[in-house]
Amino acid sequence: MRNNFGGFPGGNMQQLMRQAQKMQQQLTEAQEALDAREYEASSGGGAVTCKVSGKRELLSLTIKPEVVDPDDVEMLQDLIMAAVNEALRTGEKTREETMSRMAPGGMGGLL
């Protein structure tokens, strides 16, 4: 006997809705957990260290005094950008990996 729901296992619409609600809850919980995480990166051999949140906000920035050279501000700017960008990339990679693991087969690119 064939069901009327395109071949979904069980064919029970209530069961399908419960599964969809459960999946939505899991996605929401995963999103909240990812937003709460913190990612740290450094550049210049630890001369500049930063921490960003899963919400992509800069939380802290540490600069070792010996790297501060008033005659070479550009180097310091480059070190800061490198550290912040690396921390943001790490957070984004973690977010993508986590969300794609939770997606049903073939839907990883939709999240």
C-alpha atoms as a PDB file:
ATOM      1  CA  MET A   1       0.000   0.000   0.000  1.00  0.00           C
ATOM      2  CA  ARG A   2       1.484   3.358  -1.044  1.00  0.00           C
ATOM      3  CA  ASN A   3       1.081   6.410   1.146  1.00  0.00           C
ATOM      4  CA  ASN A   4       0.078   9.867  -0.095  1.00  0.00           C
ATOM      5  CA  PHE A   5       3.170  11.680   1.161  1.00  0.00           C
ATOM      6  CA  GLY A   6       5.654  11.101  -1.623  1.00  0.00           C
ATOM      7  CA  GLY A   7       7.129   7.983  -0.099  1.00  0.00           C
ATOM      8  CA  PHE A   8       8.050   9.427   3.314  1.00  0.00           C
ATOM      9  CA  PRO A   9       8.625   6.535   5.722  1.00  0.00           C
ATOM     10  CA  GLY A  10       5.525   5.825   7.754  1.00  0.00           C
ATOM     11  CA  GLY A  11       3.372   8.282   5.843  1.00  0.00           C
ATOM     12  CA  ASN A  12       2.134   9.810   9.094  1.00  0.00           C
ATOM     13  CA  MET A  13       1.855  13.592   8.754  1.00  0.00           C
ATOM     14  CA  GLN A  14       1.886  14.133  12.530  1.00  0.00           C
ATOM     15  CA  GLN A  15       5.055  12.111  12.862  1.00  0.00           C
ATOM     16  CA  LEU A  16       6.622  14.080  10.015  1.00  0.00           C
ATOM     17  CA  MET A  17       5.655  17.369  11.702  1.00  0.00           C
ATOM     18  CA  ARG A  18       7.130  16.194  15.025  1.00  0.00           C
ATOM     19  CA  GLN A  19      10.376  15.284  13.266  1.00  0.00           C
ATOM     20  CA  ALA A  20      10.484  18.690  11.561  1.00  0.00           C
ATOM     21  CA  GLN A  21       9.856  20.465  14.883  1.00  0.00           C
ATOM     22  CA  LYS A  22      12.553  18.399  16.575  1.00  0.00           C
ATOM     23  CA  MET A  23      15.002  19.221  13.791  1.00  0.00           C
ATOM     24  CA  GLN A  24      14.148  22.923  14.043  1.00  0.00           C
ATOM     25  CA  GLN A  25      14.742  22.809  17.805  1.00  0.00           C
ATOM     26  CA  GLN A  26      18.096  21.081  17.304  1.00  0.00           C
ATOM     27  CA  LEU A  27      19.128  23.682  14.722  1.00  0.00           C
ATOM     28  CA  THR A  28      18.136  26.509  17.065  1.00  0.00           C
ATOM     29  CA  GLU A  29      20.094  24.948  19.929  1.00  0.00           C
ATOM     30  CA  ALA A  30      23.134  24.445  17.702  1.00  0.00           C
ATOM     31  CA  GLN A  31      22.938  28.066  16.531  1.00  0.00           C
ATOM     32  CA  GLU A  32      22.779  29.301  20.129  1.00  0.00           C
ATOM     33  CA  ALA A  33      25.736  27.120  21.115  1.00  0.00           C
ATOM     34  CA  LEU A  34      27.766  28.383  18.155  1.00  0.00           C
ATOM     35  CA  ASP A  35      26.912  32.004  18.999  1.00  0.00           C
ATOM     36  CA  ALA A  36      28.137  31.430  22.567  1.00  0.00           C
ATOM     37  CA  ARG A  37      31.521  30.009  21.496  1.00  0.00           C
ATOM     38  CA  GLU A  38      34.722  32.009  21.450  1.00  0.00           C
ATOM     39  CA  TYR A  39      37.597  31.701  18.996  1.00  0.00           C
ATOM     40  CA  GLU A  40      41.131  32.920  19.537  1.00  0.00           C
ATOM     41  CA  ALA A  41      43.904  33.537  17.037  1.00  0.00           C
ATOM     42  CA  SER A  42      47.261  35.269  17.005  1.00  0.00           C
ATOM     43  CA  SER A  43      49.749  36.624  14.527  1.00  0.00           C
ATOM     44  CA  GLY A  44      53.368  37.664  14.540  1.00  0.00           C
ATOM     45  CA  GLY A  45      54.358  34.727  16.705  1.00  0.00           C
ATOM     46  CA  GLY A  46      51.890  35.772  19.409  1.00  0.00           C
ATOM     47  CA  ALA A  47      52.629  39.498  19.181  1.00  0.00           C
ATOM     48  CA  VAL A  48      48.944  40.167  18.540  1.00  0.00           C
ATOM     49  CA  THR A  49      46.196  37.967  19.940  1.00  0.00           C
ATOM     50  CA  CYS A  50      42.469  38.410  19.591  1.00  0.00           C
ATOM     51  CA  LYS A  51      39.317  36.654  20.659  1.00  0.00           C
ATOM     52  CA  VAL A  52      36.036  36.794  18.731  1.00  0.00           C
ATOM     53  CA  SER A  53      32.597  35.464  19.541  1.00  0.00           C
ATOM     54  CA  GLY A  54      30.492  33.100  17.495  1.00  0.00           C
ATOM     55  CA  LYS A  55      28.380  36.166  16.758  1.00  0.00           C
ATOM     56  CA  ARG A  56      31.401  37.542  14.887  1.00  0.00           C
ATOM     57  CA  GLU A  57      32.184  40.256  17.436  1.00  0.00           C
ATOM     58  CA  LEU A  58      35.676  41.180  18.582  1.00  0.00           C
ATOM     59  CA  LEU A  59      35.823  40.413  22.312  1.00  0.00           C
ATOM     60  CA  SER A  60      39.436  41.161  23.134  1.00  0.00           C
ATOM     61  CA  LEU A  61      42.644  42.300  21.522  1.00  0.00           C
ATOM     62  CA  THR A  62      46.078  41.928  23.128  1.00  0.00           C
ATOM     63  CA  ILE A  63      49.177  43.592  21.704  1.00  0.00           C
ATOM     64  CA  LYS A  64      52.592  42.912  23.182  1.00  0.00           C
ATOM     65  CA  PRO A  65      54.355  46.210  23.935  1.00  0.00           C
ATOM     66  CA  GLU A  66      57.501  45.213  22.045  1.00  0.00           C
ATOM     67  CA  VAL A  67      55.579  45.083  18.749  1.00  0.00           C
ATOM     68  CA  VAL A  68      54.433  48.697  19.061  1.00  0.00           C
ATOM     69  CA  ASP A  69      56.764  50.737  16.870  1.00  0.00           C
ATOM     70  CA  PRO A  70      55.570  54.273  16.113  1.00  0.00           C
ATOM     71  CA  ASP A  71      57.715  54.226  12.976  1.00  0.00           C
ATOM     72  CA  ASP A  72      55.995  51.073  11.642  1.00  0.00           C
ATOM     73  CA  VAL A  73      52.291  51.411  12.365  1.00  0.00           C
ATOM     74  CA  GLU A  74      51.460  49.528   9.163  1.00  0.00           C
ATOM     75  CA  MET A  75      53.069  46.342  10.481  1.00  0.00           C
ATOM     76  CA  LEU A  76      50.948  46.538  13.635  1.00  0.00           C
ATOM     77  CA  GLN A  77      47.807  47.095  11.577  1.00  0.00           C
ATOM     78  CA  ASP A  78      48.652  44.078   9.424  1.00  0.00           C
ATOM     79  CA  LEU A  79      49.216  41.899  12.488  1.00  0.00           C
ATOM     80  CA  ILE A  80      45.871  42.960  13.968  1.00  0.00           C
ATOM     81  CA  MET A  81      43.997  42.293  10.741  1.00  0.00           C
ATOM     82  CA  ALA A  82      45.681  38.902  10.342  1.00  0.00           C
ATOM     83  CA  ALA A  83      44.769  37.794  13.871  1.00  0.00           C
ATOM     84  CA  VAL A  84      41.158  39.008  13.683  1.00  0.00           C
ATOM     85  CA  ASN A  85      40.578  37.520  10.243  1.00  0.00           C
ATOM     86  CA  GLU A  86      42.005  34.153  11.301  1.00  0.00           C
ATOM     87  CA  ALA A  87      39.773  34.024  14.381  1.00  0.00           C
ATOM     88  CA  LEU A  88      36.725  34.901  12.264  1.00  0.00           C
ATOM     89  CA  ARG A  89      37.626  32.244   9.669  1.00  0.00           C
ATOM     90  CA  THR A  90      37.970  29.626  12.396  1.00  0.00           C
ATOM     91  CA  GLY A  91      34.568  30.528  13.802  1.00  0.00           C
ATOM     92  CA  GLU A  92      32.918  30.459  10.386  1.00  0.00           C
ATOM     93  CA  LYS A  93      34.474  27.106   9.517  1.00  0.00           C
ATOM     94  CA  THR A  94      33.232  25.621  12.789  1.00  0.00           C
ATOM     95  CA  ARG A  95      29.751  27.050  12.150  1.00  0.00           C
ATOM     96  CA  GLU A  96      29.601  25.615   8.615  1.00  0.00           C
ATOM     97  CA  GLU A  97      30.844  22.182   9.718  1.00  0.00           C
ATOM     98  CA  THR A  98      28.382  22.003  12.606  1.00  0.00           C
ATOM     99  CA  MET A  99      25.370  23.093  10.590  1.00  0.00           C
ATOM    100  CA  SER A 100      26.177  20.839   7.617  1.00  0.00           C
ATOM    101  CA  ARG A 101      26.385  17.805   9.940  1.00  0.00           C
ATOM    102  CA  MET A 102      22.856  18.565  11.113  1.00  0.00           C
ATOM    103  CA  ALA A 103      21.341  18.982   7.636  1.00  0.00           C
ATOM    104  CA  PRO A 104      19.427  16.132   6.109  1.00  0.00           C
ATOM    105  CA  GLY A 105      21.204  14.392   3.218  1.00  0.00           C
ATOM    106  CA  GLY A 106      21.906  16.679   0.309  1.00  0.00           C
ATOM    107  CA  MET A 107      20.843  19.905   2.086  1.00  0.00           C
ATOM    108  CA  GLY A 108      24.203  20.903   3.573  1.00  0.00           C
ATOM    109  CA  GLY A 109      24.613  23.799   1.153  1.00  0.00           C
ATOM    110  CA  LEU A 110      21.271  25.308   2.164  1.00  0.00           C
ATOM    111  CA  LEU A 111      22.343  26.201   5.709  1.00  0.00           C
END
